[in-house]
Amino acid sequence: MARMVCRCGATLSNSACPNNVSLKVYTDEEWDKIIDCETISPLNIPFPKYDVWKCPDCQRIYVYEEANNEPIMVYNLEK
């Protein structure tokens, strides 16, 4: 459970489940490894490599690596 303030001033939190802030994003390679198994159990699906958050107010995207409290990438819509 985490919380942060977006650059637009909105408070983001992943404490509610489900929520509209925390995204599950896998690369094609990660997903291919997951579905390469004969059977897929939801309990066996690993967490994605990156933790991705989306601000519901300004749509800004924050990308975090494991054990890093600062985003490694921040994306903002141009239009």
Protein backbone atom coordinates (compact mmCIF):
# COMPACT_ATOMS: atom_id res chain seq x y z
CA MET A 1 0.00 0.00 0.00
CA ALA A 2 1.48 3.29 -1.08
CA ARG A 3 0.53 6.87 -1.57
CA MET A 4 2.00 9.83 -3.47
CA VAL A 5 1.13 13.29 -4.72
CA CYS A 6 1.05 13.70 -8.50
CA ARG A 7 2.75 16.71 -10.07
CA CYS A 8 -0.76 18.06 -10.80
CA GLY A 9 -1.51 18.01 -7.05
CA ALA A 10 -3.81 14.97 -6.96
CA THR A 11 -3.20 12.41 -4.21
CA LEU A 12 -2.69 8.90 -5.63
CA SER A 13 -3.08 5.75 -3.56
CA ASN A 14 -3.18 2.03 -4.26
CA SER A 15 -4.72 1.12 -0.89
CA ALA A 16 -8.19 0.40 -2.34
CA CYS A 17 -8.52 -2.82 -4.27
CA PRO A 18 -9.43 -2.60 -7.07
CA ASN A 19 -8.32 0.95 -7.87
CA ASN A 20 -7.88 3.10 -10.97
CA VAL A 21 -4.30 4.16 -10.16
CA SER A 22 -2.13 1.01 -10.17
CA LEU A 23 -1.74 -0.63 -13.60
CA LYS A 24 -0.55 -4.14 -14.43
CA VAL A 25 1.78 -3.71 -17.41
CA TYR A 26 3.80 -6.57 -18.89
CA THR A 27 6.25 -6.51 -21.78
CA ASP A 28 5.52 -8.95 -24.60
CA GLU A 29 8.48 -11.08 -23.45
CA GLU A 30 7.19 -11.21 -19.87
CA TRP A 31 3.69 -12.15 -21.03
CA ASP A 32 4.99 -14.83 -23.44
CA LYS A 33 6.85 -16.48 -20.54
CA ILE A 34 3.68 -16.42 -18.44
CA ILE A 35 1.40 -17.96 -21.08
CA ASP A 36 4.03 -20.47 -22.21
CA CYS A 37 2.89 -22.75 -19.40
CA GLU A 38 0.31 -25.43 -20.21
CA THR A 39 -2.04 -24.16 -17.53
CA ILE A 40 -2.18 -20.70 -16.05
CA SER A 41 -3.19 -20.31 -12.45
CA PRO A 42 -3.83 -16.73 -11.32
CA LEU A 43 -1.72 -17.49 -8.24
CA ASN A 44 1.28 -18.29 -10.44
CA ILE A 45 1.25 -15.06 -12.47
CA PRO A 46 4.27 -13.04 -11.32
CA PHE A 47 4.15 -9.32 -10.66
CA PRO A 48 5.30 -7.17 -13.59
CA LYS A 49 8.87 -5.91 -13.69
CA TYR A 50 7.71 -2.31 -13.25
CA ASP A 51 5.12 -0.71 -10.99
CA VAL A 52 3.06 1.71 -13.11
CA TRP A 53 0.68 4.33 -11.74
CA LYS A 54 -1.71 6.56 -13.69
CA CYS A 55 -3.15 9.79 -12.31
CA PRO A 56 -6.92 9.80 -12.91
CA ASP A 57 -6.93 13.63 -13.02
CA CYS A 58 -4.13 14.58 -15.46
CA GLN A 59 -3.47 11.09 -16.96
CA ARG A 60 0.27 11.35 -16.11
CA ILE A 61 2.03 7.96 -15.94
CA TYR A 62 4.67 7.12 -13.32
CA VAL A 63 6.96 4.10 -13.77
CA TYR A 64 8.78 2.64 -10.75
CA GLU A 65 11.36 -0.11 -10.40
CA GLU A 66 11.32 -2.50 -7.46
CA ALA A 67 12.69 -1.02 -4.21
CA ASN A 68 12.95 2.47 -5.73
CA ASN A 69 10.78 5.19 -4.18
CA GLU A 70 11.39 7.66 -7.02
CA PRO A 71 9.93 7.08 -10.49
CA ILE A 72 12.42 6.09 -13.15
CA MET A 73 10.16 7.52 -15.89
CA VAL A 74 7.28 10.02 -15.94
CA TYR A 75 5.03 10.46 -18.97
CA ASN A 76 2.66 13.36 -19.54
CA LEU A 77 0.07 13.77 -22.31
CA GLU A 78 0.91 16.48 -24.82
CA LYS A 79 -2.73 16.97 -25.84
